[in-house]
Structures are given as structure tokens and as C-alpha cells.
């Protein structure tokens, strides 16, 4: 198990291994391919975009926990905290709906981009086969 706050963990190397494993599972490769290349073809890297979408979706939810930065007198009382959280939820209700719609649109755009990229690879392969015939 990874110990928390371990300074010896290389985050970039760990993320590249996670991406390679996801690509291997998604496209059925052996996992030995360089980052972004699978069976000689460049694959579209949507993992970073999906990470940002997940973060945006998480932050778009209504705040249910009080911030640790507001720990001075009137805000230390539990009823005051609950009241402020309800006011914030009410005031930003419409914005949350807008944020959720934007997140849904981004997810759909990523799915469309994946499908388009797959079709592009198919068309390129078909073009190569046609060129070999002549």
C-alpha cells in the first residue's frame, strides 16, 4: 500500500503507468506500447480531459461541508454553518444546473471525438489498402 505523504513517489511516472494500463484495457494491447501509440497508431488521449470533467462535476455539487478557512466565532456555531450552507445552495442553484449541463456536454463531446477518431483511423487504413492495390 502507498503511504500517504511519501515524497519518493514520482507522480508523473505513476500517471503514465495508469494511462498505459487504461489504454491497454480499453484497446486490448500488451501494455508495452509507448505512451500515446498503440499498434503503430496514435491513440487519442482523453484521460486528462476526463479528469478535468470529473473534477468539474465534483465541484459543481452543492457544498455540504463547511470550509476550514472560516473557523472564527460566528461561523463556528453549527446552526450558523447550516444556515449559510443553505443560503449558498439557494443562491447558486441555477449555476449548479448550468455547470452540470456543461459537464454533460463535455462528456458527450469527448465521446463524439473518440468515435470520430476511430472512424478517421478506419478511413486512413482503408485509404492505405486502396493505395497498395494500385
N, C-alpha and C. Protein backbone atom coordinates (compact mmCIF):
# COMPACT_ATOMS: atom_id res chain seq x y z
N UNK A 1 0.84 -1.18 0.00
CA UNK A 1 0.00 0.00 0.00
C UNK A 1 0.88 1.23 0.00
N UNK A 2 0.46 2.27 -0.68
CA UNK A 2 1.23 3.50 -0.76
C UNK A 2 0.98 4.30 0.52
N UNK A 3 2.09 4.70 1.13
CA UNK A 3 1.99 5.51 2.34
C UNK A 3 1.63 6.93 1.97
N UNK A 4 0.76 7.60 2.75
CA UNK A 4 0.42 8.99 2.45
C UNK A 4 1.63 9.89 2.69
N UNK A 5 1.70 10.95 1.91
CA UNK A 5 2.76 11.96 2.01
C UNK A 5 4.15 11.38 1.81
N UNK A 6 4.28 10.41 0.91
CA UNK A 6 5.57 9.82 0.60
C UNK A 6 6.25 10.67 -0.47
N UNK A 7 7.35 11.35 -0.16
CA UNK A 7 8.00 12.23 -1.15
C UNK A 7 8.72 11.45 -2.25
N UNK A 8 8.90 10.14 -2.08
CA UNK A 8 9.62 9.35 -3.07
C UNK A 8 8.74 8.89 -4.23
N UNK A 9 7.46 9.16 -4.19
CA UNK A 9 6.56 8.75 -5.27
C UNK A 9 6.66 9.75 -6.41
N UNK A 10 6.96 9.24 -7.61
CA UNK A 10 7.01 10.09 -8.79
C UNK A 10 5.61 10.10 -9.41
N UNK A 11 4.91 11.19 -9.26
CA UNK A 11 3.52 11.30 -9.70
C UNK A 11 3.42 11.17 -11.21
N UNK A 12 4.35 11.80 -11.94
CA UNK A 12 4.30 11.73 -13.41
C UNK A 12 4.48 10.30 -13.90
N UNK A 13 5.41 9.58 -13.31
CA UNK A 13 5.65 8.19 -13.71
C UNK A 13 4.45 7.32 -13.37
N UNK A 14 3.86 7.56 -12.20
CA UNK A 14 2.68 6.81 -11.80
C UNK A 14 1.50 7.08 -12.73
N UNK A 15 1.30 8.35 -13.11
CA UNK A 15 0.22 8.68 -14.04
C UNK A 15 0.46 8.06 -15.41
N UNK A 16 1.70 8.01 -15.88
CA UNK A 16 1.96 7.40 -17.18
C UNK A 16 1.68 5.90 -17.13
N UNK A 17 1.98 5.26 -16.00
CA UNK A 17 1.67 3.83 -15.88
C UNK A 17 0.16 3.60 -15.85
N UNK A 18 -0.57 4.47 -15.15
CA UNK A 18 -2.03 4.34 -15.10
C UNK A 18 -2.62 4.54 -16.49
N UNK A 19 -2.14 5.55 -17.21
CA UNK A 19 -2.64 5.79 -18.58
C UNK A 19 -2.34 4.59 -19.49
N UNK A 20 -1.14 4.05 -19.38
CA UNK A 20 -0.79 2.89 -20.22
C UNK A 20 -1.69 1.71 -19.90
N UNK A 21 -1.99 1.50 -18.63
CA UNK A 21 -2.88 0.39 -18.25
C UNK A 21 -4.30 0.61 -18.76
N UNK A 22 -4.78 1.84 -18.67
CA UNK A 22 -6.12 2.15 -19.18
C UNK A 22 -6.17 1.93 -20.68
N UNK A 23 -5.16 2.39 -21.40
CA UNK A 23 -5.11 2.17 -22.85
C UNK A 23 -5.06 0.69 -23.18
N UNK A 24 -4.27 -0.05 -22.40
CA UNK A 24 -4.17 -1.49 -22.65
C UNK A 24 -5.52 -2.17 -22.47
N UNK A 25 -6.22 -1.81 -21.41
CA UNK A 25 -7.53 -2.42 -21.15
C UNK A 25 -8.58 -1.96 -22.15
N UNK A 26 -8.51 -0.70 -22.55
CA UNK A 26 -9.52 -0.16 -23.45
C UNK A 26 -9.35 -0.69 -24.87
N UNK A 27 -8.10 -0.82 -25.32
CA UNK A 27 -7.86 -1.20 -26.71
C UNK A 27 -7.26 -2.60 -26.85
N UNK A 28 -7.06 -3.31 -25.76
CA UNK A 28 -6.60 -4.69 -25.83
C UNK A 28 -5.15 -4.85 -26.24
N UNK A 29 -4.31 -3.89 -25.93
CA UNK A 29 -2.89 -4.00 -26.27
C UNK A 29 -2.13 -4.76 -25.22
N UNK A 30 -0.82 -4.90 -25.43
CA UNK A 30 0.01 -5.64 -24.49
C UNK A 30 0.52 -4.78 -23.35
N UNK A 31 0.42 -3.47 -23.50
CA UNK A 31 0.89 -2.57 -22.45
C UNK A 31 2.33 -2.15 -22.64
N UNK A 32 3.03 -2.70 -23.66
CA UNK A 32 4.42 -2.35 -23.91
C UNK A 32 4.56 -1.18 -24.87
N UNK A 33 3.44 -0.66 -25.36
CA UNK A 33 3.49 0.41 -26.34
C UNK A 33 3.92 1.71 -25.68
N UNK A 34 4.60 2.58 -26.42
CA UNK A 34 4.91 3.89 -25.85
C UNK A 34 3.64 4.69 -25.61
N UNK A 35 3.75 5.69 -24.76
CA UNK A 35 2.58 6.49 -24.39
C UNK A 35 1.99 7.17 -25.62
N UNK A 36 0.72 6.91 -25.89
CA UNK A 36 0.04 7.54 -27.00
C UNK A 36 0.12 6.76 -28.29
N UNK A 37 0.85 5.63 -28.32
CA UNK A 37 0.95 4.84 -29.54
C UNK A 37 0.49 3.43 -29.24
N UNK A 38 -0.37 2.90 -30.06
CA UNK A 38 -0.90 1.56 -29.87
C UNK A 38 -0.94 0.87 -31.23
N UNK A 39 -0.20 -0.24 -31.35
CA UNK A 39 -0.12 -0.99 -32.61
C UNK A 39 0.29 -0.10 -33.77
N UNK A 40 1.22 0.80 -33.54
CA UNK A 40 1.69 1.67 -34.60
C UNK A 40 0.77 2.84 -34.90
N UNK A 41 -0.36 2.93 -34.23
CA UNK A 41 -1.32 4.01 -34.45
C UNK A 41 -1.31 4.94 -33.25
N UNK A 42 -1.46 6.19 -33.52
CA UNK A 42 -1.56 7.16 -32.43
C UNK A 42 -2.98 7.11 -31.89
N UNK A 43 -3.12 7.01 -30.57
CA UNK A 43 -4.44 6.98 -29.96
C UNK A 43 -4.72 8.34 -29.35
N UNK A 44 -5.97 8.68 -29.32
CA UNK A 44 -6.37 9.96 -28.77
C UNK A 44 -6.32 9.88 -27.24
N UNK A 45 -5.70 10.85 -26.61
CA UNK A 45 -5.55 10.85 -25.16
C UNK A 45 -6.64 11.73 -24.55
N UNK A 46 -7.67 11.10 -24.06
CA UNK A 46 -8.77 11.85 -23.46
C UNK A 46 -8.78 11.72 -21.94
N UNK A 47 -7.77 11.06 -21.39
CA UNK A 47 -7.75 10.85 -19.94
C UNK A 47 -7.64 12.18 -19.18
N UNK A 48 -6.84 13.09 -19.68
CA UNK A 48 -6.70 14.39 -18.99
C UNK A 48 -8.01 15.16 -19.04
N UNK A 49 -8.68 15.13 -20.20
CA UNK A 49 -9.96 15.82 -20.33
C UNK A 49 -10.98 15.20 -19.39
N UNK A 50 -11.02 13.86 -19.35
CA UNK A 50 -11.97 13.19 -18.46
C UNK A 50 -11.68 13.51 -17.00
N UNK A 51 -10.42 13.63 -16.65
CA UNK A 51 -10.07 14.01 -15.28
C UNK A 51 -10.59 15.39 -14.92
N UNK A 52 -10.46 16.33 -15.86
CA UNK A 52 -10.97 17.68 -15.62
C UNK A 52 -12.50 17.68 -15.54
N UNK A 53 -13.13 16.86 -16.36
CA UNK A 53 -14.60 16.78 -16.33
C UNK A 53 -15.05 16.22 -14.99
N UNK A 54 -14.38 15.17 -14.50
CA UNK A 54 -14.74 14.60 -13.20
C UNK A 54 -14.55 15.62 -12.08
N UNK A 55 -13.47 16.37 -12.15
CA UNK A 55 -13.22 17.40 -11.14
C UNK A 55 -14.31 18.48 -11.19
N UNK A 56 -14.67 18.90 -12.39
CA UNK A 56 -15.72 19.92 -12.53
C UNK A 56 -17.05 19.39 -12.01
N UNK A 57 -17.36 18.13 -12.29
CA UNK A 57 -18.62 17.55 -11.81
C UNK A 57 -18.63 17.50 -10.28
N UNK A 58 -17.50 17.14 -9.70
CA UNK A 58 -17.42 17.06 -8.24
C UNK A 58 -17.58 18.45 -7.61
N UNK A 59 -16.96 19.46 -8.22
CA UNK A 59 -17.02 20.81 -7.66
C UNK A 59 -18.36 21.49 -7.94
N UNK A 60 -19.13 20.98 -8.90
CA UNK A 60 -20.41 21.60 -9.23
C UNK A 60 -21.51 21.21 -8.24
N UNK A 61 -21.26 20.21 -7.43
CA UNK A 61 -22.27 19.77 -6.47
C UNK A 61 -22.40 20.80 -5.35
N UNK A 62 -23.55 20.78 -4.71
CA UNK A 62 -23.80 21.71 -3.61
C UNK A 62 -22.86 21.41 -2.45
N UNK A 63 -22.36 22.45 -1.85
CA UNK A 63 -21.43 22.29 -0.73
C UNK A 63 -22.19 21.74 0.47
N UNK A 64 -21.68 20.65 1.03
CA UNK A 64 -22.33 20.04 2.19
C UNK A 64 -21.45 20.11 3.43
N UNK A 65 -20.20 20.54 3.26
CA UNK A 65 -19.28 20.60 4.38
C UNK A 65 -18.75 22.02 4.51
N UNK A 66 -18.60 22.46 5.72
CA UNK A 66 -18.14 23.81 5.99
C UNK A 66 -16.65 23.92 5.72
N UNK A 67 -16.23 25.02 5.15
CA UNK A 67 -14.83 25.26 4.83
C UNK A 67 -14.01 25.43 6.10
N UNK A 68 -12.81 24.90 6.09
CA UNK A 68 -11.92 25.01 7.24
C UNK A 68 -11.35 26.39 7.42
N UNK A 69 -11.45 27.24 6.39
CA UNK A 69 -10.90 28.59 6.48
C UNK A 69 -11.81 29.52 7.29
N UNK A 70 -13.05 29.15 7.48
CA UNK A 70 -13.99 30.01 8.21
C UNK A 70 -14.24 29.44 9.60
N UNK A 71 -13.21 29.42 10.41
CA UNK A 71 -13.33 28.84 11.75
C UNK A 71 -13.22 29.91 12.84
N UNK A 72 -13.78 31.09 12.59
CA UNK A 72 -13.81 32.10 13.63
C UNK A 72 -15.25 32.23 14.15
N UNK A 73 -15.44 33.03 15.19
CA UNK A 73 -16.61 32.95 16.06
C UNK A 73 -17.99 32.72 15.43
N UNK A 74 -18.55 33.61 14.68
CA UNK A 74 -19.95 33.32 14.37
C UNK A 74 -20.11 32.08 13.50
N UNK A 75 -19.07 31.72 12.78
CA UNK A 75 -19.17 30.58 11.88
C UNK A 75 -18.80 29.26 12.54
N UNK A 76 -18.41 29.27 13.79
CA UNK A 76 -18.13 28.02 14.48
C UNK A 76 -19.40 27.39 15.02
N UNK A 77 -20.47 28.16 15.10
CA UNK A 77 -21.75 27.63 15.59
C UNK A 77 -22.40 26.79 14.50
N UNK A 78 -22.82 25.60 14.83
CA UNK A 78 -23.39 24.66 13.86
C UNK A 78 -24.65 25.20 13.17
N UNK A 79 -25.59 25.84 13.89
CA UNK A 79 -26.76 26.38 13.20
C UNK A 79 -26.40 27.47 12.18
N UNK A 80 -25.41 28.28 12.48
CA UNK A 80 -24.97 29.32 11.55
C UNK A 80 -24.37 28.69 10.30
N UNK A 81 -23.59 27.64 10.49
CA UNK A 81 -23.00 26.94 9.35
C UNK A 81 -24.08 26.36 8.44
N UNK A 82 -25.06 25.68 9.05
CA UNK A 82 -26.14 25.08 8.25
C UNK A 82 -26.93 26.14 7.50
N UNK A 83 -27.22 27.25 8.17
CA UNK A 83 -27.95 28.33 7.52
C UNK A 83 -27.16 28.90 6.34
N UNK A 84 -25.87 29.15 6.54
CA UNK A 84 -25.04 29.70 5.46
C UNK A 84 -24.94 28.72 4.29
N UNK A 85 -24.81 27.43 4.58
CA UNK A 85 -24.75 26.44 3.51
C UNK A 85 -26.05 26.39 2.71
N UNK A 86 -27.19 26.52 3.42
CA UNK A 86 -28.48 26.54 2.71
C UNK A 86 -28.62 27.79 1.85
N UNK A 87 -28.17 28.92 2.36
CA UNK A 87 -28.23 30.17 1.58
C UNK A 87 -27.35 30.04 0.33
N UNK A 88 -26.15 29.53 0.49
CA UNK A 88 -25.26 29.34 -0.66
C UNK A 88 -25.86 28.39 -1.69
N UNK A 89 -26.47 27.30 -1.20
CA UNK A 89 -27.09 26.34 -2.11
C UNK A 89 -28.24 26.99 -2.88
N UNK A 90 -29.01 27.83 -2.20
CA UNK A 90 -30.12 28.50 -2.87
C UNK A 90 -29.64 29.53 -3.88
N UNK A 91 -28.65 30.33 -3.49
CA UNK A 91 -28.17 31.40 -4.36
C UNK A 91 -27.53 30.84 -5.62
N UNK A 92 -26.77 29.76 -5.50
CA UNK A 92 -26.04 29.22 -6.65
C UNK A 92 -26.73 28.02 -7.29
N UNK A 93 -28.02 27.82 -7.02
CA UNK A 93 -28.76 26.69 -7.56
C UNK A 93 -28.76 26.70 -9.09
N UNK A 94 -29.08 27.82 -9.70
CA UNK A 94 -29.10 27.90 -11.16
C UNK A 94 -27.72 27.67 -11.76
N UNK A 95 -26.69 28.19 -11.12
CA UNK A 95 -25.34 27.99 -11.63
C UNK A 95 -24.95 26.52 -11.59
N UNK A 96 -25.36 25.80 -10.55
CA UNK A 96 -25.07 24.36 -10.48
C UNK A 96 -25.71 23.63 -11.65
N UNK A 97 -26.95 24.00 -11.98
CA UNK A 97 -27.62 23.35 -13.12
C UNK A 97 -26.87 23.64 -14.42
N UNK A 98 -26.42 24.86 -14.58
CA UNK A 98 -25.64 25.22 -15.77
C UNK A 98 -24.34 24.41 -15.79
N UNK A 99 -23.68 24.30 -14.66
CA UNK A 99 -22.43 23.54 -14.60
C UNK A 99 -22.65 22.08 -14.95
N UNK A 100 -23.72 21.48 -14.44
CA UNK A 100 -24.00 20.08 -14.74
C UNK A 100 -24.28 19.89 -16.23
N UNK A 101 -24.96 20.83 -16.85
CA UNK A 101 -25.22 20.75 -18.29
C UNK A 101 -23.94 20.88 -19.09
N UNK A 102 -23.04 21.74 -18.66
CA UNK A 102 -21.75 21.89 -19.35
C UNK A 102 -20.93 20.62 -19.21
N UNK A 103 -20.93 20.02 -18.03
CA UNK A 103 -20.21 18.76 -17.83
C UNK A 103 -20.79 17.68 -18.72
N UNK A 104 -22.11 17.59 -18.81
CA UNK A 104 -22.74 16.59 -19.68
C UNK A 104 -22.37 16.84 -21.14
N UNK A 105 -22.35 18.10 -21.55
CA UNK A 105 -21.98 18.41 -22.93
C UNK A 105 -20.53 18.04 -23.21
N UNK A 106 -19.64 18.29 -22.26
CA UNK A 106 -18.24 17.92 -22.44
C UNK A 106 -18.07 16.41 -22.54
N UNK A 107 -18.80 15.67 -21.72
CA UNK A 107 -18.73 14.21 -21.79
C UNK A 107 -19.19 13.71 -23.16
N UNK A 108 -20.25 14.29 -23.66
CA UNK A 108 -20.76 13.91 -24.98
C UNK A 108 -19.75 14.29 -26.07
N UNK A 109 -19.11 15.46 -25.93
CA UNK A 109 -18.12 15.88 -26.91
C UNK A 109 -16.92 14.93 -26.92
N UNK A 110 -16.49 14.48 -25.76
CA UNK A 110 -15.38 13.53 -25.69
C UNK A 110 -15.78 12.21 -26.35
N UNK A 111 -17.01 11.74 -26.10
CA UNK A 111 -17.47 10.50 -26.73
C UNK A 111 -17.53 10.65 -28.25
N UNK A 112 -18.01 11.78 -28.73
CA UNK A 112 -18.07 12.02 -30.17
C UNK A 112 -16.66 12.07 -30.75
N UNK A 113 -15.75 12.73 -30.06
CA UNK A 113 -14.37 12.80 -30.54
C UNK A 113 -13.74 11.41 -30.64
N UNK A 114 -14.01 10.56 -29.65
CA UNK A 114 -13.49 9.18 -29.72
C UNK A 114 -14.04 8.45 -30.93
N UNK A 115 -15.35 8.56 -31.15
CA UNK A 115 -15.94 7.88 -32.30
C UNK A 115 -15.39 8.43 -33.61
N UNK A 116 -15.27 9.74 -33.70
CA UNK A 116 -14.71 10.34 -34.92
C UNK A 116 -13.27 9.91 -35.14
N UNK A 117 -12.51 9.83 -34.09
CA UNK A 117 -11.12 9.41 -34.21
C UNK A 117 -11.05 7.95 -34.68
N UNK A 118 -11.93 7.11 -34.15
CA UNK A 118 -11.98 5.73 -34.60
C UNK A 118 -12.33 5.63 -36.08
N UNK A 119 -13.30 6.42 -36.51
CA UNK A 119 -13.68 6.43 -37.93
C UNK A 119 -12.53 6.96 -38.79
N UNK A 120 -11.81 7.97 -38.30
CA UNK A 120 -10.67 8.50 -39.03
C UNK A 120 -9.61 7.43 -39.22
N UNK A 121 -9.33 6.67 -38.18
CA UNK A 121 -8.36 5.58 -38.31
C UNK A 121 -8.83 4.54 -39.32
N UNK A 122 -10.13 4.23 -39.31
CA UNK A 122 -10.66 3.27 -40.28
C UNK A 122 -10.50 3.79 -41.70
N UNK A 123 -10.81 5.06 -41.92
CA UNK A 123 -10.70 5.65 -43.26
C UNK A 123 -9.24 5.67 -43.71
N UNK A 124 -8.32 6.02 -42.81
CA UNK A 124 -6.90 6.02 -43.17
C UNK A 124 -6.43 4.62 -43.54
N UNK A 125 -6.86 3.62 -42.78
CA UNK A 125 -6.48 2.24 -43.09
C UNK A 125 -7.06 1.82 -44.43
N UNK A 126 -8.29 2.17 -44.70
CA UNK A 126 -8.92 1.85 -45.98
C UNK A 126 -8.17 2.54 -47.12
N UNK A 127 -7.77 3.79 -46.93
CA UNK A 127 -7.01 4.52 -47.93
C UNK A 127 -5.67 3.85 -48.20
N UNK A 128 -4.98 3.40 -47.14
CA UNK A 128 -3.71 2.70 -47.31
C UNK A 128 -3.89 1.41 -48.11
N UNK A 129 -4.98 0.67 -47.82
CA UNK A 129 -5.24 -0.56 -48.58
C UNK A 129 -5.50 -0.26 -50.04
N UNK A 130 -6.24 0.81 -50.31
CA UNK A 130 -6.51 1.19 -51.70
C UNK A 130 -5.21 1.61 -52.42
N UNK A 131 -4.35 2.32 -51.73
CA UNK A 131 -3.08 2.74 -52.32
C UNK A 131 -2.17 1.54 -52.64
N UNK A 132 -2.22 0.50 -51.81
CA UNK A 132 -1.40 -0.69 -52.04
C UNK A 132 -1.86 -1.45 -53.26
N UNK A 133 -3.14 -1.42 -53.56
CA UNK A 133 -3.69 -2.14 -54.73
C UNK A 133 -3.16 -1.57 -56.03
N UNK A 134 -2.99 -0.28 -56.09
CA UNK A 134 -2.59 0.36 -57.35
C UNK A 134 -1.12 0.29 -57.59
